[in-house]
C-alpha atoms as a PDB file:
ATOM      1  CA  MET A   1       0.166  -0.016   0.010  1.00  0.00           C
ATOM      2  CA  GLN A   2       2.921   2.397   0.853  1.00  0.00           C
ATOM      3  CA  PHE A   3       4.469   1.574  -2.439  1.00  0.00           C
ATOM      4  CA  LYS A   4       1.273   2.422  -4.449  1.00  0.00           C
ATOM      5  CA  ARG A   5       0.946   5.829  -2.443  1.00  0.00           C
ATOM      6  CA  LEU A   6       4.541   6.537  -3.174  1.00  0.00           C
ATOM      7  CA  ALA A   7       4.066   5.958  -7.176  1.00  0.00           C
ATOM      8  CA  VAL A   8       0.953   8.098  -7.172  1.00  0.00           C
ATOM      9  CA  ALA A   9       2.762  10.681  -5.572  1.00  0.00           C
ATOM     10  CA  LEU A  10       5.605  10.634  -7.860  1.00  0.00           C
ATOM     11  CA  VAL A  11       3.248  10.684 -10.878  1.00  0.00           C
ATOM     12  CA  VAL A  12       1.235  13.751  -9.499  1.00  0.00           C
ATOM     13  CA  SER A  13       4.363  15.594  -8.697  1.00  0.00           C
ATOM     14  CA  ALA A  14       6.486  14.950 -11.626  1.00  0.00           C
ATOM     15  CA  PRO A  15       5.047  17.724 -13.877  1.00  0.00           C
ATOM     16  CA  MET A  16       5.629  20.207 -11.041  1.00  0.00           C
ATOM     17  CA  LEU A  17       9.176  19.023 -10.681  1.00  0.00           C
ATOM     18  CA  ALA A  18       9.603  19.410 -14.438  1.00  0.00           C
ATOM     19  CA  ALA A  19       8.192  22.979 -14.228  1.00  0.00           C
ATOM     20  CA  ALA A  20      10.456  24.091 -11.497  1.00  0.00           C
ATOM     21  CA  GLN A  21      13.452  22.982 -13.365  1.00  0.00           C
ATOM     22  CA  SER A  22      12.669  23.944 -17.040  1.00  0.00           C
ATOM     23  CA  ASN A  23      10.569  25.764 -19.320  1.00  0.00           C
ATOM     24  CA  VAL A  24       8.318  23.847 -21.734  1.00  0.00           C
ATOM     25  CA  THR A  25       5.935  25.178 -24.107  1.00  0.00           C
ATOM     26  CA  VAL A  26       3.017  23.405 -26.310  1.00  0.00           C
ATOM     27  CA  TYR A  27       2.467  25.187 -29.425  1.00  0.00           C
ATOM     28  CA  GLY A  28       0.814  24.434 -32.693  1.00  0.00           C
ATOM     29  CA  THR A  29      -0.694  25.835 -36.155  1.00  0.00           C
ATOM     30  CA  MET A  30      -4.077  24.547 -37.404  1.00  0.00           C
ATOM     31  CA  ASP A  31      -4.581  25.505 -41.084  1.00  0.00           C
ATOM     32  CA  ALA A  32      -7.300  24.429 -43.448  1.00  0.00           C
ATOM     33  CA  SER A  33      -8.860  25.496 -46.965  1.00  0.00           C
ATOM     34  CA  ILE A  34     -11.243  24.736 -49.600  1.00  0.00           C
ATOM     35  CA  GLY A  35      -9.933  25.329 -53.188  1.00  0.00           C
ATOM     36  CA  VAL A  36     -10.374  24.252 -56.847  1.00  0.00           C
ATOM     37  CA  GLN A  37      -7.216  22.764 -58.500  1.00  0.00           C
ATOM     38  CA  ASP A  38      -6.132  21.440 -61.936  1.00  0.00           C
ATOM     39  CA  THR A  39      -3.072  19.706 -62.930  1.00  0.00           C
ATOM     40  CA  GLY A  40      -3.713  20.727 -66.595  1.00  0.00           C
ATOM     41  CA  ALA A  41      -3.101  16.995 -67.849  1.00  0.00           C
ATOM     42  CA  ASN A  42      -5.115  15.932 -70.805  1.00  0.00           C
ATOM     43  CA  GLY A  43      -7.870  13.699 -69.493  1.00  0.00           C
ATOM     44  CA  GLU A  44      -7.754  15.160 -66.009  1.00  0.00           C
ATOM     45  CA  LYS A  45     -10.645  17.533 -64.966  1.00  0.00           C
ATOM     46  CA  SER A  46     -10.552  20.237 -62.187  1.00  0.00           C
ATOM     47  CA  GLN A  47     -11.083  19.251 -58.544  1.00  0.00           C
ATOM     48  CA  THR A  48     -12.675  20.847 -55.620  1.00  0.00           C
ATOM     49  CA  VAL A  49     -10.605  20.018 -52.561  1.00  0.00           C
ATOM     50  CA  ILE A  50     -10.186  20.382 -48.839  1.00  0.00           C
ATOM     51  CA  ASN A  51      -6.466  20.672 -47.829  1.00  0.00           C
ATOM     52  CA  SER A  52      -4.441  21.386 -44.728  1.00  0.00           C
ATOM     53  CA  GLY A  53      -1.659  23.409 -44.455  1.00  0.00           C
ATOM     54  CA  ASN A  54      -1.550  25.818 -47.181  1.00  0.00           C
ATOM     55  CA  GLN A  55      -0.037  29.009 -45.716  1.00  0.00           C
ATOM     56  CA  SER A  56       1.448  27.077 -42.948  1.00  0.00           C
ATOM     57  CA  SER A  57       1.696  23.195 -42.306  1.00  0.00           C
ATOM     58  CA  SER A  58      -0.618  22.337 -39.504  1.00  0.00           C
ATOM     59  CA  ARG A  59       1.782  21.022 -36.731  1.00  0.00           C
ATOM     60  CA  LEU A  60       1.816  20.212 -32.825  1.00  0.00           C
ATOM     61  CA  GLY A  61       5.116  20.964 -31.011  1.00  0.00           C
ATOM     62  CA  PHE A  62       6.832  20.930 -27.665  1.00  0.00           C
ATOM     63  CA  ARG A  63      10.033  22.927 -26.908  1.00  0.00           C
ATOM     64  CA  GLY A  64      11.741  23.576 -23.720  1.00  0.00           C
ATOM     65  CA  THR A  65      14.906  24.954 -22.176  1.00  0.00           C
ATOM     66  CA  GLU A  66      16.673  24.451 -18.805  1.00  0.00           C
ATOM     67  CA  ASP A  67      19.183  27.145 -17.200  1.00  0.00           C
ATOM     68  CA  LEU A  68      22.312  25.297 -16.356  1.00  0.00           C
ATOM     69  CA  GLY A  69      23.911  28.207 -15.126  1.00  0.00           C
ATOM     70  CA  ASN A  70      26.852  30.496 -16.328  1.00  0.00           C
ATOM     71  CA  GLY A  71      24.836  31.335 -19.640  1.00  0.00           C
ATOM     72  CA  LEU A  72      24.513  27.898 -20.572  1.00  0.00           C
ATOM     73  CA  LYS A  73      21.312  26.325 -21.499  1.00  0.00           C
ATOM     74  CA  ALA A  74      19.971  22.753 -22.421  1.00  0.00           C
ATOM     75  CA  LEU A  75      17.160  22.816 -25.078  1.00  0.00           C
ATOM     76  CA  PHE A  76      14.866  20.425 -27.133  1.00  0.00           C
ATOM     77  CA  ASN A  77      12.176  20.672 -29.705  1.00  0.00           C
ATOM     78  CA  VAL A  78       9.988  17.883 -30.965  1.00  0.00           C
ATOM     79  CA  GLU A  79       7.448  18.906 -33.757  1.00  0.00           C
ATOM     80  CA  ALA A  80       4.570  16.566 -35.288  1.00  0.00           C
ATOM     81  CA  GLY A  81       2.972  17.426 -38.623  1.00  0.00           C
ATOM     82  CA  LEU A  82      -0.900  16.560 -39.244  1.00  0.00           C
ATOM     83  CA  ALA A  83      -3.425  16.889 -41.753  1.00  0.00           C
ATOM     84  CA  LEU A  84      -6.830  18.617 -40.612  1.00  0.00           C
ATOM     85  CA  ASP A  85      -8.662  17.458 -43.308  1.00  0.00           C
ATOM     86  CA  THR A  86      -8.105  13.816 -42.693  1.00  0.00           C
ATOM     87  CA  GLY A  87      -6.668  13.839 -39.027  1.00  0.00           C
ATOM     88  CA  VAL A  88      -3.867  11.552 -39.924  1.00  0.00           C
ATOM     89  CA  GLY A  89      -0.254  12.463 -38.678  1.00  0.00           C
ATOM     90  CA  ASP A  90       2.795  12.344 -41.029  1.00  0.00           C
ATOM     91  CA  SER A  91       4.556   9.180 -41.483  1.00  0.00           C
ATOM     92  CA  ALA A  92       7.333  10.086 -39.277  1.00  0.00           C
ATOM     93  CA  LEU A  93       5.972  11.095 -35.705  1.00  0.00           C
ATOM     94  CA  PHE A  94       8.207  14.059 -35.141  1.00  0.00           C
ATOM     95  CA  GLY A  95       9.483  14.276 -38.796  1.00  0.00           C
ATOM     96  CA  ARG A  96       9.268  18.121 -38.997  1.00  0.00           C
ATOM     97  CA  ARG A  97      12.016  18.670 -36.331  1.00  0.00           C
ATOM     98  CA  SER A  98      13.290  16.426 -33.597  1.00  0.00           C
ATOM     99  CA  VAL A  99      16.589  17.775 -31.649  1.00  0.00           C
ATOM    100  CA  VAL A 100      18.285  18.038 -28.450  1.00  0.00           C
ATOM    101  CA  GLY A 101      20.985  20.555 -27.796  1.00  0.00           C
ATOM    102  CA  LEU A 102      23.080  23.231 -25.824  1.00  0.00           C
ATOM    103  CA  GLN A 103      22.959  26.865 -26.305  1.00  0.00           C
ATOM    104  CA  GLY A 104      25.563  29.451 -24.867  1.00  0.00           C
ATOM    105  CA  SER A 105      27.787  32.269 -25.692  1.00  0.00           C
ATOM    106  CA  PHE A 106      29.342  29.683 -28.297  1.00  0.00           C
ATOM    107  CA  GLY A 107      26.310  29.572 -30.213  1.00  0.00           C
ATOM    108  CA  THR A 108      23.817  26.568 -30.558  1.00  0.00           C
ATOM    109  CA  VAL A 109      24.603  22.854 -30.951  1.00  0.00           C
ATOM    110  CA  THR A 110      21.635  20.450 -31.968  1.00  0.00           C
ATOM    111  CA  VAL A 111      21.605  16.715 -32.614  1.00  0.00           C
ATOM    112  CA  GLY A 112      18.561  14.953 -34.290  1.00  0.00           C
ATOM    113  CA  ARG A 113      16.420  15.721 -37.257  1.00  0.00           C
ATOM    114  CA  GLU A 114      17.036  19.176 -37.987  1.00  0.00           C
ATOM    115  CA  TYR A 115      16.587  21.853 -41.012  1.00  0.00           C
ATOM    116  CA  THR A 116      19.683  22.362 -43.252  1.00  0.00           C
ATOM    117  CA  PRO A 117      21.942  25.363 -43.605  1.00  0.00           C
ATOM    118  CA  ILE A 118      20.458  26.070 -47.118  1.00  0.00           C
ATOM    119  CA  SER A 119      16.964  25.772 -45.737  1.00  0.00           C
ATOM    120  CA  PHE A 120      17.632  29.045 -43.557  1.00  0.00           C
ATOM    121  CA  ILE A 121      18.455  31.027 -46.853  1.00  0.00           C
ATOM    122  CA  ALA A 122      15.513  29.764 -48.982  1.00  0.00           C
ATOM    123  CA  GLY A 123      13.183  30.462 -45.893  1.00  0.00           C
ATOM    124  CA  GLY A 124      14.433  33.971 -45.189  1.00  0.00           C
ATOM    125  CA  SER A 125      14.112  35.014 -48.906  1.00  0.00           C
ATOM    126  CA  ASP A 126      10.875  33.532 -49.645  1.00  0.00           C
ATOM    127  CA  ILE A 127       8.043  36.278 -49.975  1.00  0.00           C
ATOM    128  CA  PHE A 128       5.466  33.776 -48.797  1.00  0.00           C
ATOM    129  CA  GLY A 129       7.565  32.465 -45.976  1.00  0.00           C
ATOM    130  CA  GLN A 130       7.596  28.966 -47.562  1.00  0.00           C
ATOM    131  CA  GLY A 131       3.551  28.845 -47.560  1.00  0.00           C
ATOM    132  CA  PHE A 132       0.927  29.452 -50.241  1.00  0.00           C
ATOM    133  CA  TYR A 133       1.073  27.779 -53.624  1.00  0.00           C
ATOM    134  CA  GLY A 134       4.116  29.189 -55.783  1.00  0.00           C
ATOM    135  CA  SER A 135       6.714  29.186 -52.936  1.00  0.00           C
ATOM    136  CA  ASN A 136      10.159  27.987 -53.290  1.00  0.00           C
ATOM    137  CA  LEU A 137       9.315  24.706 -51.574  1.00  0.00           C
ATOM    138  CA  SER A 138       8.916  23.446 -54.997  1.00  0.00           C
ATOM    139  CA  ALA A 139      12.836  23.339 -55.328  1.00  0.00           C
ATOM    140  CA  PHE A 140      12.886  21.035 -52.445  1.00  0.00           C
ATOM    141  CA  THR A 141      10.838  17.990 -53.870  1.00  0.00           C
ATOM    142  CA  SER A 142      11.817  15.020 -55.899  1.00  0.00           C
ATOM    143  CA  ASN A 143      15.203  15.244 -54.005  1.00  0.00           C
ATOM    144  CA  ARG A 144      16.114  18.292 -55.917  1.00  0.00           C
ATOM    145  CA  LEU A 145      17.572  20.012 -52.750  1.00  0.00           C
ATOM    146  CA  THR A 146      17.486  19.000 -49.290  1.00  0.00           C
ATOM    147  CA  ARG A 147      15.613  20.938 -46.540  1.00  0.00           C
ATOM    148  CA  ARG A 148      15.879  18.622 -43.529  1.00  0.00           C
ATOM    149  CA  VAL A 149      18.332  15.906 -42.473  1.00  0.00           C
ATOM    150  CA  SER A 150      18.097  13.161 -39.996  1.00  0.00           C
ATOM    151  CA  ASN A 151      21.074  11.633 -37.939  1.00  0.00           C
ATOM    152  CA  SER A 152      22.623  15.188 -37.788  1.00  0.00           C
ATOM    153  CA  VAL A 153      24.802  17.201 -35.793  1.00  0.00           C
ATOM    154  CA  ASN A 154      24.349  21.037 -36.383  1.00  0.00           C
ATOM    155  CA  TYR A 155      25.841  24.247 -35.096  1.00  0.00           C
ATOM    156  CA  LYS A 156      24.686  27.697 -35.308  1.00  0.00           C
ATOM    157  CA  THR A 157      26.673  30.758 -34.239  1.00  0.00           C
ATOM    158  CA  THR A 158      25.351  33.631 -32.267  1.00  0.00           C
ATOM    159  CA  GLN A 159      24.836  36.972 -34.243  1.00  0.00           C
ATOM    160  CA  MET A 160      28.089  39.006 -34.510  1.00  0.00           C
ATOM    161  CA  SER A 161      27.578  42.508 -36.314  1.00  0.00           C
ATOM    162  CA  GLY A 162      24.618  41.019 -37.884  1.00  0.00           C
ATOM    163  CA  PHE A 163      26.338  37.918 -39.521  1.00  0.00           C
ATOM    164  CA  THR A 164      25.302  34.347 -38.400  1.00  0.00           C
ATOM    165  CA  GLY A 165      26.803  31.056 -39.587  1.00  0.00           C
ATOM    166  CA  SER A 166      25.474  27.541 -39.432  1.00  0.00           C
ATOM    167  CA  ALA A 167      27.093  24.331 -40.457  1.00  0.00           C
ATOM    168  CA  SER A 168      25.553  20.623 -40.417  1.00  0.00           C
ATOM    169  CA  PHE A 169      26.807  17.179 -40.768  1.00  0.00           C
ATOM    170  CA  SER A 170      24.108  14.227 -41.535  1.00  0.00           C
ATOM    171  CA  ALA A 171      25.312  10.701 -41.260  1.00  0.00           C
ATOM    172  CA  GLY A 172      24.101   8.486 -44.066  1.00  0.00           C
ATOM    173  CA  GLU A 173      24.824   5.375 -41.716  1.00  0.00           C
ATOM    174  CA  ARG A 174      25.537   3.227 -44.649  1.00  0.00           C
ATOM    175  CA  THR A 175      27.814   0.329 -44.438  1.00  0.00           C
ATOM    176  CA  VAL A 176      29.238   0.438 -48.103  1.00  0.00           C
ATOM    177  CA  GLU A 177      30.276   3.366 -50.214  1.00  0.00           C
ATOM    178  CA  PRO A 178      29.269   5.848 -50.934  1.00  0.00           C
ATOM    179  CA  SER A 179      28.481   7.034 -47.543  1.00  0.00           C
ATOM    180  CA  GLY A 180      25.078   9.028 -47.977  1.00  0.00           C
ATOM    181  CA  ASP A 181      26.700  11.684 -45.669  1.00  0.00           C
ATOM    182  CA  LEU A 182      25.746  15.368 -46.154  1.00  0.00           C
ATOM    183  CA  MET A 183      27.678  18.252 -45.314  1.00  0.00           C
ATOM    184  CA  GLY A 184      26.505  21.997 -45.417  1.00  0.00           C
ATOM    185  CA  VAL A 185      27.495  25.453 -44.341  1.00  0.00           C
ATOM    186  CA  ALA A 186      25.675  28.887 -44.710  1.00  0.00           C
ATOM    187  CA  LEU A 187      26.345  32.572 -43.808  1.00  0.00           C
ATOM    188  CA  GLU A 188      23.350  35.133 -43.026  1.00  0.00           C
ATOM    189  CA  TYR A 189      23.484  38.757 -42.667  1.00  0.00           C
ATOM    190  CA  ALA A 190      20.405  40.744 -41.348  1.00  0.00           C
ATOM    191  CA  ASN A 191      20.554  44.260 -40.142  1.00  0.00           C
ATOM    192  CA  SER A 192      17.793  47.370 -40.362  1.00  0.00           C
ATOM    193  CA  GLY A 193      15.466  45.372 -42.406  1.00  0.00           C
ATOM    194  CA  LEU A 194      18.361  43.921 -44.860  1.00  0.00           C
ATOM    195  CA  PHE A 195      18.813  40.223 -45.227  1.00  0.00           C
ATOM    196  CA  LEU A 196      21.573  38.506 -47.220  1.00  0.00           C
ATOM    197  CA  GLY A 197      22.291  34.731 -47.298  1.00  0.00           C
ATOM    198  CA  ALA A 198      24.440  31.896 -49.219  1.00  0.00           C
ATOM    199  CA  GLY A 199      24.385  28.191 -48.575  1.00  0.00           C
ATOM    200  CA  TYR A 200      26.399  25.263 -49.913  1.00  0.00           C
ATOM    201  CA  GLN A 201      25.815  21.533 -49.271  1.00  0.00           C
ATOM    202  CA  VAL A 202      27.355  18.478 -50.780  1.00  0.00           C
ATOM    203  CA  ILE A 203      26.095  15.025 -50.538  1.00  0.00           C
ATOM    204  CA  GLU A 204      27.813  11.541 -51.107  1.00  0.00           C
ATOM    205  CA  ARG A 205      24.883   9.886 -52.696  1.00  0.00           C
ATOM    206  CA  LEU A 206      26.458   8.086 -55.750  1.00  0.00           C
ATOM    207  CA  ALA A 207      29.623   6.469 -56.286  1.00  0.00           C
ATOM    208  CA  ALA A 208      30.066   8.447 -59.653  1.00  0.00           C
ATOM    209  CA  GLY A 209      30.396  11.693 -57.798  1.00  0.00           C
ATOM    210  CA  ASP A 210      28.732  14.104 -54.979  1.00  0.00           C
ATOM    211  CA  ASP A 211      25.451  16.042 -55.400  1.00  0.00           C
ATOM    212  CA  LYS A 212      25.908  19.885 -54.773  1.00  0.00           C
ATOM    213  CA  GLU A 213      23.343  22.382 -53.673  1.00  0.00           C
ATOM    214  CA  TYR A 214      23.690  25.934 -53.629  1.00  0.00           C
ATOM    215  CA  ALA A 215      21.279  28.726 -52.285  1.00  0.00           C
ATOM    216  CA  PHE A 216      21.562  32.516 -52.457  1.00  0.00           C
ATOM    217  CA  GLY A 217      18.944  34.879 -51.167  1.00  0.00           C
ATOM    218  CA  ALA A 218      18.223  38.552 -50.435  1.00  0.00           C
ATOM    219  CA  ALA A 219      15.518  40.482 -48.631  1.00  0.00           C
ATOM    220  CA  TYR A 220      14.812  44.200 -47.688  1.00  0.00           C
ATOM    221  CA  LYS A 221      11.871  45.645 -45.733  1.00  0.00           C
ATOM    222  CA  PHE A 222      11.069  49.412 -46.069  1.00  0.00           C
ATOM    223  CA  GLY A 223       8.143  50.601 -43.996  1.00  0.00           C
ATOM    224  CA  THR A 224       5.155  48.421 -45.174  1.00  0.00           C
ATOM    225  CA  VAL A 225       6.712  47.038 -48.210  1.00  0.00           C
ATOM    226  CA  GLU A 226       8.980  43.822 -48.427  1.00  0.00           C
ATOM    227  CA  VAL A 227      11.085  42.586 -51.445  1.00  0.00           C
ATOM    228  CA  LYS A 228      12.585  39.207 -51.497  1.00  0.00           C
ATOM    229  CA  GLY A 229      14.246  36.932 -53.862  1.00  0.00           C
ATOM    230  CA  ASN A 230      16.366  33.818 -54.362  1.00  0.00           C
ATOM    231  CA  PHE A 231      18.376  31.523 -56.639  1.00  0.00           C
ATOM    232  CA  LEU A 232      18.462  27.845 -55.733  1.00  0.00           C
ATOM    233  CA  VAL A 233      20.397  25.153 -57.445  1.00  0.00           C
ATOM    234  CA  GLY A 234      20.457  21.497 -57.172  1.00  0.00           C
ATOM    235  CA  ASP A 235      23.426  19.880 -59.372  1.00  0.00           C
ATOM    236  CA  GLN A 236      22.904  16.226 -58.969  1.00  0.00           C
ATOM    237  CA  VAL A 237      25.332  13.745 -60.564  1.00  0.00           C
ATOM    238  CA  GLY A 238      24.716  12.507 -64.043  1.00  0.00           C
ATOM    239  CA  ASN A 239      23.429  14.308 -67.419  1.00  0.00           C
ATOM    240  CA  ASN A 240      20.769  16.877 -67.607  1.00  0.00           C
ATOM    241  CA  ASN A 241      20.197  16.680 -63.745  1.00  0.00           C
ATOM    242  CA  LYS A 242      21.021  20.261 -62.953  1.00  0.00           C
ATOM    243  CA  PHE A 243      18.045  22.002 -61.474  1.00  0.00           C
ATOM    244  CA  GLU A 244      17.809  26.032 -61.084  1.00  0.00           C
ATOM    245  CA  GLN A 245      14.935  27.931 -59.542  1.00  0.00           C
ATOM    246  CA  ALA A 246      14.644  31.906 -59.255  1.00  0.00           C
ATOM    247  CA  ASN A 247      12.076  33.738 -57.399  1.00  0.00           C
ATOM    248  CA  ILE A 248      11.239  37.300 -56.960  1.00  0.00           C
ATOM    249  CA  GLY A 249       8.457  38.580 -54.790  1.00  0.00           C
ATOM    250  CA  ALA A 250       6.949  41.377 -53.098  1.00  0.00           C
ATOM    251  CA  ALA A 251       4.380  42.206 -50.278  1.00  0.00           C
ATOM    252  CA  MET A 252       2.820  45.280 -48.735  1.00  0.00           C
ATOM    253  CA  THR A 253       0.901  45.319 -45.301  1.00  0.00           C
ATOM    254  CA  PHE A 254      -1.986  47.571 -45.054  1.00  0.00           C
ATOM    255  CA  GLY A 255      -4.161  47.602 -41.859  1.00  0.00           C
ATOM    256  CA  ALA A 256      -4.927  44.415 -40.780  1.00  0.00           C
ATOM    257  CA  GLY A 257      -4.413  42.908 -44.472  1.00  0.00           C
ATOM    258  CA  LYS A 258      -1.113  41.754 -46.405  1.00  0.00           C
ATOM    259  CA  ALA A 259      -0.971  41.310 -50.281  1.00  0.00           C
ATOM    260  CA  PHE A 260       1.623  39.196 -51.586  1.00  0.00           C
ATOM    261  CA  VAL A 261       2.952  38.383 -55.380  1.00  0.00           C
ATOM    262  CA  ASN A 262       5.753  36.267 -56.498  1.00  0.00           C
ATOM    263  CA  LEU A 263       7.453  35.311 -59.986  1.00  0.00           C
ATOM    264  CA  GLN A 264       9.188  31.946 -60.421  1.00  0.00           C
ATOM    265  CA  GLN A 265      11.078  30.263 -63.041  1.00  0.00           C
ATOM    266  CA  ASN A 266      12.096  26.603 -62.859  1.00  0.00           C
ATOM    267  CA  LYS A 267      14.957  24.899 -65.279  1.00  0.00           C
ATOM    268  CA  PHE A 268      16.535  21.760 -65.944  1.00  0.00           C
ATOM    269  CA  GLU A 269      19.586  21.629 -68.194  1.00  0.00           C
ATOM    270  CA  ASN A 270      17.971  19.290 -70.358  1.00  0.00           C
ATOM    271  CA  GLY A 271      15.693  22.495 -71.682  1.00  0.00           C
ATOM    272  CA  ALA A 272      12.676  21.838 -69.605  1.00  0.00           C
ATOM    273  CA  LYS A 273      11.266  25.215 -68.306  1.00  0.00           C
ATOM    274  CA  GLY A 274       8.465  26.369 -66.106  1.00  0.00           C
ATOM    275  CA  ASN A 275       7.417  30.134 -65.366  1.00  0.00           C
ATOM    276  CA  GLY A 276       5.136  30.441 -62.216  1.00  0.00           C
ATOM    277  CA  PHE A 277       2.966  33.364 -61.095  1.00  0.00           C
ATOM    278  CA  ALA A 278       1.426  33.501 -57.656  1.00  0.00           C
ATOM    279  CA  ILE A 279      -0.505  36.011 -55.520  1.00  0.00           C
ATOM    280  CA  ALA A 280      -2.125  35.835 -52.090  1.00  0.00           C
ATOM    281  CA  TYR A 281      -3.949  37.994 -49.527  1.00  0.00           C
ATOM    282  CA  SER A 282      -4.033  37.443 -45.843  1.00  0.00           C
ATOM    283  CA  TYR A 283      -6.357  39.135 -43.387  1.00  0.00           C
ATOM    284  CA  SER A 284      -5.825  38.963 -39.439  1.00  0.00           C
ATOM    285  CA  LEU A 285      -8.685  38.611 -37.258  1.00  0.00           C
ATOM    286  CA  SER A 286      -6.362  38.542 -34.323  1.00  0.00           C
ATOM    287  CA  LYS A 287      -2.783  38.147 -33.400  1.00  0.00           C
ATOM    288  CA  ARG A 288      -3.237  34.212 -33.602  1.00  0.00           C
ATOM    289  CA  THR A 289      -5.984  33.866 -36.286  1.00  0.00           C
ATOM    290  CA  ASN A 290      -6.274  34.963 -40.019  1.00  0.00           C
ATOM    291  CA  LEU A 291      -8.071  34.195 -43.156  1.00  0.00           C
ATOM    292  CA  TYR A 292      -6.255  33.945 -46.500  1.00  0.00           C
ATOM    293  CA  THR A 293      -6.785  33.298 -50.412  1.00  0.00           C
ATOM    294  CA  SER A 294      -4.456  32.618 -52.965  1.00  0.00           C
ATOM    295  CA  TYR A 295      -4.177  31.860 -56.570  1.00  0.00           C
ATOM    296  CA  ALA A 296      -1.139  30.224 -58.662  1.00  0.00           C
ATOM    297  CA  SER A 297      -0.399  29.077 -62.123  1.00  0.00           C
ATOM    298  CA  MET A 298       2.628  27.345 -63.867  1.00  0.00           C
ATOM    299  CA  ARG A 299       3.401  27.644 -67.709  1.00  0.00           C
ATOM    300  CA  ASN A 300       5.574  24.643 -68.633  1.00  0.00           C
ATOM    301  CA  ASN A 301       7.252  24.022 -72.067  1.00  0.00           C
ATOM    302  CA  GLY A 302       6.765  20.909 -73.848  1.00  0.00           C
ATOM    303  CA  LEU A 303       9.549  19.210 -71.672  1.00  0.00           C
ATOM    304  CA  ALA A 304       8.409  20.200 -68.356  1.00  0.00           C
ATOM    305  CA  THR A 305       6.015  19.052 -65.693  1.00  0.00           C
ATOM    306  CA  PHE A 306       7.073  21.584 -63.052  1.00  0.00           C
ATOM    307  CA  GLY A 307       4.361  22.001 -60.325  1.00  0.00           C
ATOM    308  CA  LEU A 308       2.933  24.318 -57.365  1.00  0.00           C
ATOM    309  CA  ASN A 309       3.783  23.765 -53.897  1.00  0.00           C
ATOM    310  CA  SER A 310       2.201  25.273 -50.669  1.00  0.00           C
ATOM    311  CA  SER A 311       3.394  24.792 -47.203  1.00  0.00           C
ATOM    312  CA  SER A 312       2.153  20.866 -47.104  1.00  0.00           C
ATOM    313  CA  THR A 313       0.435  20.278 -50.595  1.00  0.00           C
ATOM    314  CA  ASN A 314       1.088  20.275 -54.254  1.00  0.00           C
ATOM    315  CA  VAL A 315      -0.377  20.470 -57.640  1.00  0.00           C
ATOM    316  CA  THR A 316       1.626  18.529 -60.169  1.00  0.00           C
ATOM    317  CA  PRO A 317       1.028  17.123 -63.398  1.00  0.00           C
ATOM    318  CA  VAL A 318       2.124  13.530 -63.715  1.00  0.00           C
ATOM    319  CA  ALA A 319       5.651  12.854 -65.194  1.00  0.00           C
ATOM    320  CA  THR A 320       4.233  11.984 -68.649  1.00  0.00           C
ATOM    321  CA  ALA A 321       1.981  14.851 -69.132  1.00  0.00           C
ATOM    322  CA  LEU A 322       4.709  17.112 -70.743  1.00  0.00           C
ATOM    323  CA  GLY A 323       3.564  20.842 -71.187  1.00  0.00           C
ATOM    324  CA  ALA A 324       0.652  20.582 -68.732  1.00  0.00           C
ATOM    325  CA  ASP A 325      -0.116  24.019 -67.071  1.00  0.00           C
ATOM    326  CA  PRO A 326      -1.135  23.573 -63.326  1.00  0.00           C
ATOM    327  CA  THR A 327      -3.415  26.039 -61.360  1.00  0.00           C
ATOM    328  CA  VAL A 328      -5.112  26.741 -58.073  1.00  0.00           C
ATOM    329  CA  PHE A 329      -7.273  28.650 -56.258  1.00  0.00           C
ATOM    330  CA  ASN A 330      -8.072  28.355 -52.356  1.00  0.00           C
ATOM    331  CA  VAL A 331      -9.742  30.450 -49.308  1.00  0.00           C
ATOM    332  CA  GLY A 332      -8.496  29.183 -46.052  1.00  0.00           C
ATOM    333  CA  VAL A 333      -8.101  30.034 -42.152  1.00  0.00           C
ATOM    334  CA  ARG A 334      -5.073  29.561 -39.848  1.00  0.00           C
ATOM    335  CA  HIS A 335      -4.935  29.544 -36.171  1.00  0.00           C
ATOM    336  CA  THR A 336      -1.803  29.338 -34.014  1.00  0.00           C
ATOM    337  CA  PHE A 337      -1.351  28.949 -30.394  1.00  0.00           C
END
């Protein structure tokens, strides 16, 4: 009986003990929309769809820190993605991010599943914040560029005169060559509304050689206007595999509303090309809730099947539908907590 009482007391007191020693936050984003989409492929008609995560991926996360003294902190973050339209979670429970690490005057070190160095450049220079259809997330599909890595050790410096550096090593954990390892670095500058960044990654994917990935980005905010642009390259081993994407976009805030526009070009070295156009509008009902609408289109040449990507979904022609031009329009609501 005494053992049972002790067990109950420990269970009841555990959350209070944890709260006394560390700071843990539960957070999330819930985003859903209704829309009409069309891949543009012959024989396929347009669809009315309910989607999750168009402006921001729907997610549930836990993050926390513990003060270890002398300016040193322990930290963790686990974040799970979910689809509001079906209630289904991502295939990997905490596949969005799952790290533990230390933070101090030296910077931040994390271990686990983490965002890559070039993802910081692409995210900081995308006018849509890597949400809405027509964002630069399409550059990270089909293994063109790498946005997240598992089995990784990562380092980010503190900001020094506006500069921040980051580095990452991801172990491929293969028993034979090539190793599958990824190594990446990036440098960012942010000051007085100006953002500049560049990043480079190399992946030992094939015995014939290494894949190389590059990201260059810039942004500037003056008053209520923002301008952002980036150039992303995925240079995989083999003929005609080099992929390039360029984006230039602008946004303007007026009252509770914000309007966005982005132009995008995708290219493969075999001559495949697609030119994208996207617009969006967001209206804040409160600090945590907003309504939004967006429209995007992609014009592919006869060698291309480039698609349109939002934060969690995409509208992409099948590989055999060369020259198909996808379009999408949607209206949604997003709530954060």
